[in-house]
């Protein structure tokens, strides 16, 4: 939970741990999970 933007963030780093490979955010955990999964570059795809 990022207090500065008041949002939940869900992410998976790439294998080199340099950057977020998949990322989602939302006002609730459920919204963040939906963003993480279903946006065009999300885990669902």
ModelCIF file with pLDDT and N, C-alpha, C, O atoms, coordinates in Angstrom:
data_MODEL
#
_entry.id   MODEL 
#
_entity.id                         1 
_entity.type                       polymer 
_entity.pdbx_number_of_molecules   1 
#
_entity_poly.entity_id                      1 
_entity_poly.type                           'polypeptide(L)' 
_entity_poly.nstd_linkage                   no 
_entity_poly.nstd_monomer                   no 
_entity_poly.pdbx_seq_one_letter_code       
;(UNK)(UNK)(UNK)(UNK)(UNK)(UNK)(UNK)(UNK)(UNK)(UNK)(UNK)(UNK)(UNK)(UNK)(UNK)(UNK)
(UNK)(UNK)(UNK)(UNK)(UNK)(UNK)(UNK)(UNK)(UNK)(UNK)(UNK)(UNK)(UNK)(UNK)(UNK)(UNK)
(UNK)(UNK)(UNK)(UNK)(UNK)(UNK)(UNK)(UNK)(UNK)(UNK)(UNK)(UNK)(UNK)
;
_entity_poly.pdbx_seq_one_letter_code_can   XXXXXXXXXXXXXXXXXXXXXXXXXXXXXXXXXXXXXXXXXXXXX 
_entity_poly.pdbx_strand_id                 A 
#
loop_
_entity_poly_seq.entity_id 
_entity_poly_seq.num 
_entity_poly_seq.mon_id 
_entity_poly_seq.hetero 
1 1  UNK n 
1 2  UNK n 
1 3  UNK n 
1 4  UNK n 
1 5  UNK n 
1 6  UNK n 
1 7  UNK n 
1 8  UNK n 
1 9  UNK n 
1 10 UNK n 
1 11 UNK n 
1 12 UNK n 
1 13 UNK n 
1 14 UNK n 
1 15 UNK n 
1 16 UNK n 
1 17 UNK n 
1 18 UNK n 
1 19 UNK n 
1 20 UNK n 
1 21 UNK n 
1 22 UNK n 
1 23 UNK n 
1 24 UNK n 
1 25 UNK n 
1 26 UNK n 
1 27 UNK n 
1 28 UNK n 
1 29 UNK n 
1 30 UNK n 
1 31 UNK n 
1 32 UNK n 
1 33 UNK n 
1 34 UNK n 
1 35 UNK n 
1 36 UNK n 
1 37 UNK n 
1 38 UNK n 
1 39 UNK n 
1 40 UNK n 
1 41 UNK n 
1 42 UNK n 
1 43 UNK n 
1 44 UNK n 
1 45 UNK n 
#
_struct_asym.id          A 
_struct_asym.entity_id   1 
#
loop_
_ma_qa_metric.id 
_ma_qa_metric.mode 
_ma_qa_metric.name 
_ma_qa_metric.software_group_id 
_ma_qa_metric.type 
1 global pLDDT . pLDDT 
2 local  pLDDT . pLDDT 
#
_ma_qa_metric_global.metric_id      1 
_ma_qa_metric_global.metric_value   84.02 
_ma_qa_metric_global.model_id       1 
_ma_qa_metric_global.ordinal_id     1 
#
loop_
_ma_qa_metric_local.label_asym_id 
_ma_qa_metric_local.label_comp_id 
_ma_qa_metric_local.label_seq_id 
_ma_qa_metric_local.metric_id 
_ma_qa_metric_local.metric_value 
_ma_qa_metric_local.model_id 
_ma_qa_metric_local.ordinal_id 
A UNK 1  2 94.00 1 1  
A UNK 2  2 88.00 1 2  
A UNK 3  2 91.00 1 3  
A UNK 4  2 90.00 1 4  
A UNK 5  2 87.00 1 5  
A UNK 6  2 91.00 1 6  
A UNK 7  2 94.00 1 7  
A UNK 8  2 95.00 1 8  
A UNK 9  2 91.00 1 9  
A UNK 10 2 89.00 1 10 
A UNK 11 2 85.00 1 11 
A UNK 12 2 85.00 1 12 
A UNK 13 2 78.00 1 13 
A UNK 14 2 69.00 1 14 
A UNK 15 2 65.00 1 15 
A UNK 16 2 67.00 1 16 
A UNK 17 2 57.00 1 17 
A UNK 18 2 65.00 1 18 
A UNK 19 2 66.00 1 19 
A UNK 20 2 66.00 1 20 
A UNK 21 2 78.00 1 21 
A UNK 22 2 82.00 1 22 
A UNK 23 2 86.00 1 23 
A UNK 24 2 89.00 1 24 
A UNK 25 2 91.00 1 25 
A UNK 26 2 93.00 1 26 
A UNK 27 2 94.00 1 27 
A UNK 28 2 92.00 1 28 
A UNK 29 2 90.00 1 29 
A UNK 30 2 89.00 1 30 
A UNK 31 2 91.00 1 31 
A UNK 32 2 91.00 1 32 
A UNK 33 2 89.00 1 33 
A UNK 34 2 89.00 1 34 
A UNK 35 2 90.00 1 35 
A UNK 36 2 88.00 1 36 
A UNK 37 2 87.00 1 37 
A UNK 38 2 88.00 1 38 
A UNK 39 2 86.00 1 39 
A UNK 40 2 82.00 1 40 
A UNK 41 2 78.00 1 41 
A UNK 42 2 83.00 1 42 
A UNK 43 2 82.00 1 43 
A UNK 44 2 80.00 1 44 
A UNK 45 2 80.00 1 45 
#
loop_
_atom_site.group_PDB 
_atom_site.id 
_atom_site.type_symbol 
_atom_site.label_atom_id 
_atom_site.label_alt_id 
_atom_site.label_comp_id 
_atom_site.label_asym_id 
_atom_site.label_entity_id 
_atom_site.label_seq_id 
_atom_site.pdbx_PDB_ins_code 
_atom_site.Cartn_x 
_atom_site.Cartn_y 
_atom_site.Cartn_z 
_atom_site.occupancy 
_atom_site.B_iso_or_equiv 
_atom_site.pdbx_formal_charge 
_atom_site.auth_seq_id 
_atom_site.auth_comp_id 
_atom_site.auth_asym_id 
_atom_site.auth_atom_id 
_atom_site.pdbx_PDB_model_num 
ATOM 1   N N  . UNK A 1 1  ? 0.871  -1.165  0.000   1.00 94.00 ? 1  UNK A N  1 
ATOM 2   C CA . UNK A 1 1  ? 0.000  0.000   0.000   1.00 94.00 ? 1  UNK A CA 1 
ATOM 3   C C  . UNK A 1 1  ? 0.904  1.210   0.000   1.00 94.00 ? 1  UNK A C  1 
ATOM 4   O O  . UNK A 1 1  ? 1.698  1.392   0.923   1.00 94.00 ? 1  UNK A O  1 
ATOM 5   N N  . UNK A 1 2  ? 0.797  2.036   -1.017  1.00 88.00 ? 2  UNK A N  1 
ATOM 6   C CA . UNK A 1 2  ? 1.630  3.228   -1.141  1.00 88.00 ? 2  UNK A CA 1 
ATOM 7   C C  . UNK A 1 2  ? 0.869  4.392   -0.515  1.00 88.00 ? 2  UNK A C  1 
ATOM 8   O O  . UNK A 1 2  ? -0.127 4.864   -1.064  1.00 88.00 ? 2  UNK A O  1 
ATOM 9   N N  . UNK A 1 3  ? 1.339  4.838   0.619   1.00 91.00 ? 3  UNK A N  1 
ATOM 10  C CA . UNK A 1 3  ? 0.659  5.895   1.364   1.00 91.00 ? 3  UNK A CA 1 
ATOM 11  C C  . UNK A 1 3  ? 0.682  7.233   0.630   1.00 91.00 ? 3  UNK A C  1 
ATOM 12  O O  . UNK A 1 3  ? -0.250 8.027   0.757   1.00 91.00 ? 3  UNK A O  1 
ATOM 13  N N  . UNK A 1 4  ? 1.736  7.483   -0.133  1.00 90.00 ? 4  UNK A N  1 
ATOM 14  C CA . UNK A 1 4  ? 1.845  8.781   -0.806  1.00 90.00 ? 4  UNK A CA 1 
ATOM 15  C C  . UNK A 1 4  ? 0.797  8.948   -1.910  1.00 90.00 ? 4  UNK A C  1 
ATOM 16  O O  . UNK A 1 4  ? 0.330  10.061  -2.151  1.00 90.00 ? 4  UNK A O  1 
ATOM 17  N N  . UNK A 1 5  ? 0.425  7.858   -2.580  1.00 87.00 ? 5  UNK A N  1 
ATOM 18  C CA . UNK A 1 5  ? -0.604 7.963   -3.621  1.00 87.00 ? 5  UNK A CA 1 
ATOM 19  C C  . UNK A 1 5  ? -1.918 7.332   -3.175  1.00 87.00 ? 5  UNK A C  1 
ATOM 20  O O  . UNK A 1 5  ? -2.896 7.331   -3.923  1.00 87.00 ? 5  UNK A O  1 
ATOM 21  N N  . UNK A 1 6  ? -1.938 6.794   -1.954  1.00 91.00 ? 6  UNK A N  1 
ATOM 22  C CA . UNK A 1 6  ? -3.142 6.185   -1.371  1.00 91.00 ? 6  UNK A CA 1 
ATOM 23  C C  . UNK A 1 6  ? -3.723 5.089   -2.261  1.00 91.00 ? 6  UNK A C  1 
ATOM 24  O O  . UNK A 1 6  ? -4.927 5.048   -2.515  1.00 91.00 ? 6  UNK A O  1 
ATOM 25  N N  . UNK A 1 7  ? -2.843 4.200   -2.728  1.00 94.00 ? 7  UNK A N  1 
ATOM 26  C CA . UNK A 1 7  ? -3.279 3.110   -3.599  1.00 94.00 ? 7  UNK A CA 1 
ATOM 27  C C  . UNK A 1 7  ? -2.514 1.832   -3.270  1.00 94.00 ? 7  UNK A C  1 
ATOM 28  O O  . UNK A 1 7  ? -1.391 1.860   -2.766  1.00 94.00 ? 7  UNK A O  1 
ATOM 29  N N  . UNK A 1 8  ? -3.163 0.714   -3.575  1.00 95.00 ? 8  UNK A N  1 
ATOM 30  C CA . UNK A 1 8  ? -2.500 -0.575  -3.518  1.00 95.00 ? 8  UNK A CA 1 
ATOM 31  C C  . UNK A 1 8  ? -1.730 -0.765  -4.819  1.00 95.00 ? 8  UNK A C  1 
ATOM 32  O O  . UNK A 1 8  ? -2.198 -0.382  -5.892  1.00 95.00 ? 8  UNK A O  1 
ATOM 33  N N  . UNK A 1 9  ? -0.552 -1.357  -4.713  1.00 91.00 ? 9  UNK A N  1 
ATOM 34  C CA . UNK A 1 9  ? 0.259  -1.674  -5.890  1.00 91.00 ? 9  UNK A CA 1 
ATOM 35  C C  . UNK A 1 9  ? 0.609  -3.160  -5.833  1.00 91.00 ? 9  UNK A C  1 
ATOM 36  O O  . UNK A 1 9  ? 1.009  -3.681  -4.792  1.00 91.00 ? 9  UNK A O  1 
ATOM 37  N N  . UNK A 1 10 ? 0.451  -3.819  -6.961  1.00 89.00 ? 10 UNK A N  1 
ATOM 38  C CA . UNK A 1 10 ? 0.816  -5.228  -7.096  1.00 89.00 ? 10 UNK A CA 1 
ATOM 39  C C  . UNK A 1 10 ? 1.795  -5.313  -8.251  1.00 89.00 ? 10 UNK A C  1 
ATOM 40  O O  . UNK A 1 10 ? 1.546  -4.756  -9.321  1.00 89.00 ? 10 UNK A O  1 
ATOM 41  N N  . UNK A 1 11 ? 2.901  -6.001  -8.046  1.00 85.00 ? 11 UNK A N  1 
ATOM 42  C CA . UNK A 1 11 ? 3.887  -6.077  -9.115  1.00 85.00 ? 11 UNK A CA 1 
ATOM 43  C C  . UNK A 1 11 ? 4.722  -7.340  -9.019  1.00 85.00 ? 11 UNK A C  1 
ATOM 44  O O  . UNK A 1 11 ? 4.804  -7.980  -7.970  1.00 85.00 ? 11 UNK A O  1 
ATOM 45  N N  . UNK A 1 12 ? 5.336  -7.679  -10.138 1.00 85.00 ? 12 UNK A N  1 
ATOM 46  C CA . UNK A 1 12 ? 6.314  -8.755  -10.227 1.00 85.00 ? 12 UNK A CA 1 
ATOM 47  C C  . UNK A 1 12 ? 7.521  -8.159  -10.922 1.00 85.00 ? 12 UNK A C  1 
ATOM 48  O O  . UNK A 1 12 ? 7.403  -7.598  -12.012 1.00 85.00 ? 12 UNK A O  1 
ATOM 49  N N  . UNK A 1 13 ? 8.683  -8.277  -10.296 1.00 78.00 ? 13 UNK A N  1 
ATOM 50  C CA . UNK A 1 13 ? 9.910  -7.773  -10.900 1.00 78.00 ? 13 UNK A CA 1 
ATOM 51  C C  . UNK A 1 13 ? 10.403 -8.742  -11.965 1.00 78.00 ? 13 UNK A C  1 
ATOM 52  O O  . UNK A 1 13 ? 10.126 -9.940  -11.903 1.00 78.00 ? 13 UNK A O  1 
ATOM 53  N N  . UNK A 1 14 ? 11.137 -8.215  -12.942 1.00 69.00 ? 14 UNK A N  1 
ATOM 54  C CA . UNK A 1 14 ? 11.761 -9.113  -13.919 1.00 69.00 ? 14 UNK A CA 1 
ATOM 55  C C  . UNK A 1 14 ? 12.830 -9.933  -13.205 1.00 69.00 ? 14 UNK A C  1 
ATOM 56  O O  . UNK A 1 14 ? 13.166 -9.648  -12.055 1.00 69.00 ? 14 UNK A O  1 
ATOM 57  N N  . UNK A 1 15 ? 13.361 -10.938 -13.872 1.00 65.00 ? 15 UNK A N  1 
ATOM 58  C CA . UNK A 1 15 ? 14.294 -11.861 -13.222 1.00 65.00 ? 15 UNK A CA 1 
ATOM 59  C C  . UNK A 1 15 ? 15.585 -11.197 -12.773 1.00 65.00 ? 15 UNK A C  1 
ATOM 60  O O  . UNK A 1 15 ? 16.252 -11.706 -11.872 1.00 65.00 ? 15 UNK A O  1 
ATOM 61  N N  . UNK A 1 16 ? 15.955 -10.074 -13.378 1.00 67.00 ? 16 UNK A N  1 
ATOM 62  C CA . UNK A 1 16 ? 17.143 -9.355  -12.947 1.00 67.00 ? 16 UNK A CA 1 
ATOM 63  C C  . UNK A 1 16 ? 16.829 -8.418  -11.784 1.00 67.00 ? 16 UNK A C  1 
ATOM 64  O O  . UNK A 1 16 ? 17.728 -7.756  -11.264 1.00 67.00 ? 16 UNK A O  1 
ATOM 65  N N  . UNK A 1 17 ? 15.561 -8.357  -11.370 1.00 57.00 ? 17 UNK A N  1 
ATOM 66  C CA . UNK A 1 17 ? 15.070 -7.515  -10.281 1.00 57.00 ? 17 UNK A CA 1 
ATOM 67  C C  . UNK A 1 17 ? 15.381 -6.045  -10.503 1.00 57.00 ? 17 UNK A C  1 
ATOM 68  O O  . UNK A 1 17 ? 15.673 -5.315  -9.556  1.00 57.00 ? 17 UNK A O  1 
ATOM 69  N N  . UNK A 1 18 ? 15.318 -5.615  -11.754 1.00 65.00 ? 18 UNK A N  1 
ATOM 70  C CA . UNK A 1 18 ? 15.602 -4.224  -12.069 1.00 65.00 ? 18 UNK A CA 1 
ATOM 71  C C  . UNK A 1 18 ? 14.349 -3.399  -12.293 1.00 65.00 ? 18 UNK A C  1 
ATOM 72  O O  . UNK A 1 18 ? 14.346 -2.194  -12.043 1.00 65.00 ? 18 UNK A O  1 
ATOM 73  N N  . UNK A 1 19 ? 13.286 -4.033  -12.761 1.00 66.00 ? 19 UNK A N  1 
ATOM 74  C CA . UNK A 1 19 ? 12.113 -3.274  -13.159 1.00 66.00 ? 19 UNK A CA 1 
ATOM 75  C C  . UNK A 1 19 ? 10.853 -4.097  -12.935 1.00 66.00 ? 19 UNK A C  1 
ATOM 76  O O  . UNK A 1 19 ? 10.897 -5.327  -12.886 1.00 66.00 ? 19 UNK A O  1 
ATOM 77  N N  . UNK A 1 20 ? 9.727  -3.396  -12.800 1.00 66.00 ? 20 UNK A N  1 
ATOM 78  C CA . UNK A 1 20 ? 8.439  -4.089  -12.700 1.00 66.00 ? 20 UNK A CA 1 
ATOM 79  C C  . UNK A 1 20 ? 8.097  -4.656  -14.064 1.00 66.00 ? 20 UNK A C  1 
ATOM 80  O O  . UNK A 1 20 ? 7.961  -3.908  -15.032 1.00 66.00 ? 20 UNK A O  1 
ATOM 81  N N  . UNK A 1 21 ? 7.956  -5.964  -14.149 1.00 78.00 ? 21 UNK A N  1 
ATOM 82  C CA . UNK A 1 21 ? 7.569  -6.563  -15.424 1.00 78.00 ? 21 UNK A CA 1 
ATOM 83  C C  . UNK A 1 21 ? 6.059  -6.509  -15.579 1.00 78.00 ? 21 UNK A C  1 
ATOM 84  O O  . UNK A 1 21 ? 5.547  -6.211  -16.658 1.00 78.00 ? 21 UNK A O  1 
ATOM 85  N N  . UNK A 1 22 ? 5.358  -6.796  -14.508 1.00 82.00 ? 22 UNK A N  1 
ATOM 86  C CA . UNK A 1 22 ? 3.905  -6.661  -14.472 1.00 82.00 ? 22 UNK A CA 1 
ATOM 87  C C  . UNK A 1 22 ? 3.568  -5.760  -13.300 1.00 82.00 ? 22 UNK A C  1 
ATOM 88  O O  . UNK A 1 22 ? 4.180  -5.859  -12.237 1.00 82.00 ? 22 UNK A O  1 
ATOM 89  N N  . UNK A 1 23 ? 2.584  -4.871  -13.493 1.00 86.00 ? 23 UNK A N  1 
ATOM 90  C CA . UNK A 1 23 ? 2.269  -3.884  -12.466 1.00 86.00 ? 23 UNK A CA 1 
ATOM 91  C C  . UNK A 1 23 ? 0.791  -3.542  -12.524 1.00 86.00 ? 23 UNK A C  1 
ATOM 92  O O  . UNK A 1 23 ? 0.220  -3.422  -13.607 1.00 86.00 ? 23 UNK A O  1 
ATOM 93  N N  . UNK A 1 24 ? 0.184  -3.388  -11.386 1.00 89.00 ? 24 UNK A N  1 
ATOM 94  C CA . UNK A 1 24 ? -1.201 -2.938  -11.308 1.00 89.00 ? 24 UNK A CA 1 
ATOM 95  C C  . UNK A 1 24 ? -1.405 -2.113  -10.058 1.00 89.00 ? 24 UNK A C  1 
ATOM 96  O O  . UNK A 1 24 ? -0.714 -2.308  -9.058  1.00 89.00 ? 24 UNK A O  1 
ATOM 97  N N  . UNK A 1 25 ? -2.357 -1.188  -10.111 1.00 91.00 ? 25 UNK A N  1 
ATOM 98  C CA . UNK A 1 25 ? -2.651 -0.382  -8.928  1.00 91.00 ? 25 UNK A CA 1 
ATOM 99  C C  . UNK A 1 25 ? -4.145 -0.093  -8.873  1.00 91.00 ? 25 UNK A C  1 
ATOM 100 O O  . UNK A 1 25 ? -4.841 -0.130  -9.887  1.00 91.00 ? 25 UNK A O  1 
ATOM 101 N N  . UNK A 1 26 ? -4.616 0.191   -7.674  1.00 93.00 ? 26 UNK A N  1 
ATOM 102 C CA . UNK A 1 26 ? -6.024 0.491   -7.492  1.00 93.00 ? 26 UNK A CA 1 
ATOM 103 C C  . UNK A 1 26 ? -6.308 0.998   -6.088  1.00 93.00 ? 26 UNK A C  1 
ATOM 104 O O  . UNK A 1 26 ? -5.486 0.852   -5.183  1.00 93.00 ? 26 UNK A O  1 
ATOM 105 N N  . UNK A 1 27 ? -7.478 1.595   -5.918  1.00 94.00 ? 27 UNK A N  1 
ATOM 106 C CA . UNK A 1 27 ? -7.868 2.120   -4.603  1.00 94.00 ? 27 UNK A CA 1 
ATOM 107 C C  . UNK A 1 27 ? -8.104 1.005   -3.599  1.00 94.00 ? 27 UNK A C  1 
ATOM 108 O O  . UNK A 1 27 ? -7.928 1.204   -2.397  1.00 94.00 ? 27 UNK A O  1 
ATOM 109 N N  . UNK A 1 28 ? -8.501 -0.164  -4.080  1.00 92.00 ? 28 UNK A N  1 
ATOM 110 C CA . UNK A 1 28 ? -8.673 -1.329  -3.215  1.00 92.00 ? 28 UNK A CA 1 
ATOM 111 C C  . UNK A 1 28 ? -7.777 -2.440  -3.745  1.00 92.00 ? 28 UNK A C  1 
ATOM 112 O O  . UNK A 1 28 ? -7.278 -2.374  -4.868  1.00 92.00 ? 28 UNK A O  1 
ATOM 113 N N  . UNK A 1 29 ? -7.586 -3.451  -2.922  1.00 90.00 ? 29 UNK A N  1 
ATOM 114 C CA . UNK A 1 29 ? -6.783 -4.591  -3.362  1.00 90.00 ? 29 UNK A CA 1 
ATOM 115 C C  . UNK A 1 29 ? -7.412 -5.245  -4.582  1.00 90.00 ? 29 UNK A C  1 
ATOM 116 O O  . UNK A 1 29 ? -6.710 -5.642  -5.512  1.00 90.00 ? 29 UNK A O  1 
ATOM 117 N N  . UNK A 1 30 ? -8.737 -5.355  -4.579  1.00 89.00 ? 30 UNK A N  1 
ATOM 118 C CA . UNK A 1 30 ? -9.448 -5.981  -5.696  1.00 89.00 ? 30 UNK A CA 1 
ATOM 119 C C  . UNK A 1 30 ? -9.241 -5.198  -6.996  1.00 89.00 ? 30 UNK A C  1 
ATOM 120 O O  . UNK A 1 30 ? -9.023 -5.792  -8.052  1.00 89.00 ? 30 UNK A O  1 
ATOM 121 N N  . UNK A 1 31 ? -9.311 -3.858  -6.919  1.00 91.00 ? 31 UNK A N  1 
ATOM 122 C CA . UNK A 1 31 ? -9.076 -3.033  -8.113  1.00 91.00 ? 31 UNK A CA 1 
ATOM 123 C C  . UNK A 1 31 ? -7.650 -3.197  -8.618  1.00 91.00 ? 31 UNK A C  1 
ATOM 124 O O  . UNK A 1 31 ? -7.416 -3.289  -9.823  1.00 91.00 ? 31 UNK A O  1 
ATOM 125 N N  . UNK A 1 32 ? -6.698 -3.233  -7.689  1.00 91.00 ? 32 UNK A N  1 
ATOM 126 C CA . UNK A 1 32 ? -5.294 -3.416  -8.075  1.00 91.00 ? 32 UNK A CA 1 
ATOM 127 C C  . UNK A 1 32 ? -5.096 -4.764  -8.747  1.00 91.00 ? 32 UNK A C  1 
ATOM 128 O O  . UNK A 1 32 ? -4.357 -4.867  -9.726  1.00 91.00 ? 32 UNK A O  1 
ATOM 129 N N  . UNK A 1 33 ? -5.746 -5.794  -8.233  1.00 89.00 ? 33 UNK A N  1 
ATOM 130 C CA . UNK A 1 33 ? -5.640 -7.134  -8.812  1.00 89.00 ? 33 UNK A CA 1 
ATOM 131 C C  . UNK A 1 33 ? -6.239 -7.164  -10.216 1.00 89.00 ? 33 UNK A C  1 
ATOM 132 O O  . UNK A 1 33 ? -5.669 -7.775  -11.119 1.00 89.00 ? 33 UNK A O  1 
ATOM 133 N N  . UNK A 1 34 ? -7.380 -6.510  -10.404 1.00 89.00 ? 34 UNK A N  1 
ATOM 134 C CA . UNK A 1 34 ? -8.002 -6.440  -11.735 1.00 89.00 ? 34 UNK A CA 1 
ATOM 135 C C  . UNK A 1 34 ? -7.073 -5.733  -12.715 1.00 89.00 ? 34 UNK A C  1 
ATOM 136 O O  . UNK A 1 34 ? -6.892 -6.192  -13.843 1.00 89.00 ? 34 UNK A O  1 
ATOM 137 N N  . UNK A 1 35 ? -6.484 -4.613  -12.287 1.00 90.00 ? 35 UNK A N  1 
ATOM 138 C CA . UNK A 1 35 ? -5.557 -3.869  -13.143 1.00 90.00 ? 35 UNK A CA 1 
ATOM 139 C C  . UNK A 1 35 ? -4.335 -4.711  -13.473 1.00 90.00 ? 35 UNK A C  1 
ATOM 140 O O  . UNK A 1 35 ? -3.882 -4.747  -14.617 1.00 90.00 ? 35 UNK A O  1 
ATOM 141 N N  . UNK A 1 36 ? -3.807 -5.385  -12.462 1.00 88.00 ? 36 UNK A N  1 
ATOM 142 C CA . UNK A 1 36 ? -2.627 -6.237  -12.612 1.00 88.00 ? 36 UNK A CA 1 
ATOM 143 C C  . UNK A 1 36 ? -2.872 -7.360  -13.613 1.00 88.00 ? 36 UNK A C  1 
ATOM 144 O O  . UNK A 1 36 ? -1.982 -7.724  -14.381 1.00 88.00 ? 36 UNK A O  1 
ATOM 145 N N  . UNK A 1 37 ? -4.063 -7.894  -13.598 1.00 87.00 ? 37 UNK A N  1 
ATOM 146 C CA . UNK A 1 37 ? -4.364 -9.039  -14.468 1.00 87.00 ? 37 UNK A CA 1 
ATOM 147 C C  . UNK A 1 37 ? -4.836 -8.643  -15.859 1.00 87.00 ? 37 UNK A C  1 
ATOM 148 O O  . UNK A 1 37 ? -4.349 -9.180  -16.854 1.00 87.00 ? 37 UNK A O  1 
ATOM 149 N N  . UNK A 1 38 ? -5.774 -7.714  -15.939 1.00 88.00 ? 38 UNK A N  1 
ATOM 150 C CA . UNK A 1 38 ? -6.543 -7.565  -17.175 1.00 88.00 ? 38 UNK A CA 1 
ATOM 151 C C  . UNK A 1 38 ? -6.194 -6.370  -18.041 1.00 88.00 ? 38 UNK A C  1 
ATOM 152 O O  . UNK A 1 38 ? -6.785 -6.222  -19.110 1.00 88.00 ? 38 UNK A O  1 
ATOM 153 N N  . UNK A 1 39 ? -5.278 -5.517  -17.646 1.00 86.00 ? 39 UNK A N  1 
ATOM 154 C CA . UNK A 1 39 ? -4.895 -4.455  -18.581 1.00 86.00 ? 39 UNK A CA 1 
ATOM 155 C C  . UNK A 1 39 ? -4.154 -5.093  -19.758 1.00 86.00 ? 39 UNK A C  1 
ATOM 156 O O  . UNK A 1 39 ? -3.702 -6.233  -19.647 1.00 86.00 ? 39 UNK A O  1 
ATOM 157 N N  . UNK A 1 40 ? -4.019 -4.389  -20.875 1.00 82.00 ? 40 UNK A N  1 
ATOM 158 C CA . UNK A 1 40 ? -3.453 -5.021  -22.089 1.00 82.00 ? 40 UNK A CA 1 
ATOM 159 C C  . UNK A 1 40 ? -2.089 -5.689  -21.909 1.00 82.00 ? 40 UNK A C  1 
ATOM 160 O O  . UNK A 1 40 ? -1.783 -6.653  -22.611 1.00 82.00 ? 40 UNK A O  1 
ATOM 161 N N  . UNK A 1 41 ? -1.271 -5.198  -20.988 1.00 78.00 ? 41 UNK A N  1 
ATOM 162 C CA . UNK A 1 41 ? 0.017  -5.864  -20.750 1.00 78.00 ? 41 UNK A CA 1 
ATOM 163 C C  . UNK A 1 41 ? 0.024  -6.554  -19.389 1.00 78.00 ? 41 UNK A C  1 
ATOM 164 O O  . UNK A 1 41 ? 1.065  -6.666  -18.742 1.00 78.00 ? 41 UNK A O  1 
ATOM 165 N N  . UNK A 1 42 ? -1.139 -7.008  -18.971 1.00 83.00 ? 42 UNK A N  1 
ATOM 166 C CA . UNK A 1 42 ? -1.280 -7.674  -17.679 1.00 83.00 ? 42 UNK A CA 1 
ATOM 167 C C  . UNK A 1 42 ? -0.994 -9.160  -17.748 1.00 83.00 ? 42 UNK A C  1 
ATOM 168 O O  . UNK A 1 42 ? -0.767 -9.719  -18.821 1.00 83.00 ? 42 UNK A O  1 
ATOM 169 N N  . UNK A 1 43 ? -1.009 -9.785  -16.584 1.00 82.00 ? 43 UNK A N  1 
ATOM 170 C CA . UNK A 1 43 ? -0.656 -11.192 -16.463 1.00 82.00 ? 43 UNK A CA 1 
ATOM 171 C C  . UNK A 1 43 ? -1.612 -12.096 -17.242 1.00 82.00 ? 43 UNK A C  1 
ATOM 172 O O  . UNK A 1 43 ? -1.202 -13.150 -17.727 1.00 82.00 ? 43 UNK A O  1 
ATOM 173 N N  . UNK A 1 44 ? -2.874 -11.700 -17.367 1.00 80.00 ? 44 UNK A N  1 
ATOM 174 C CA . UNK A 1 44 ? -3.823 -12.521 -18.104 1.00 80.00 ? 44 UNK A CA 1 
ATOM 175 C C  . UNK A 1 44 ? -3.361 -12.718 -19.549 1.00 80.00 ? 44 UNK A C  1 
ATOM 176 O O  . UNK A 1 44 ? -3.651 -13.746 -20.162 1.00 80.00 ? 44 UNK A O  1 
ATOM 177 N N  . UNK A 1 45 ? -2.654 -11.750 -20.080 1.00 80.00 ? 45 UNK A N  1 
ATOM 178 C CA . UNK A 1 45 ? -2.156 -11.806 -21.459 1.00 80.00 ? 45 UNK A CA 1 
ATOM 179 C C  . UNK A 1 45 ? -0.658 -12.130 -21.515 1.00 80.00 ? 45 UNK A C  1 
ATOM 180 O O  . UNK A 1 45 ? -0.084 -12.213 -22.600 1.00 80.00 ? 45 UNK A O  1 
#
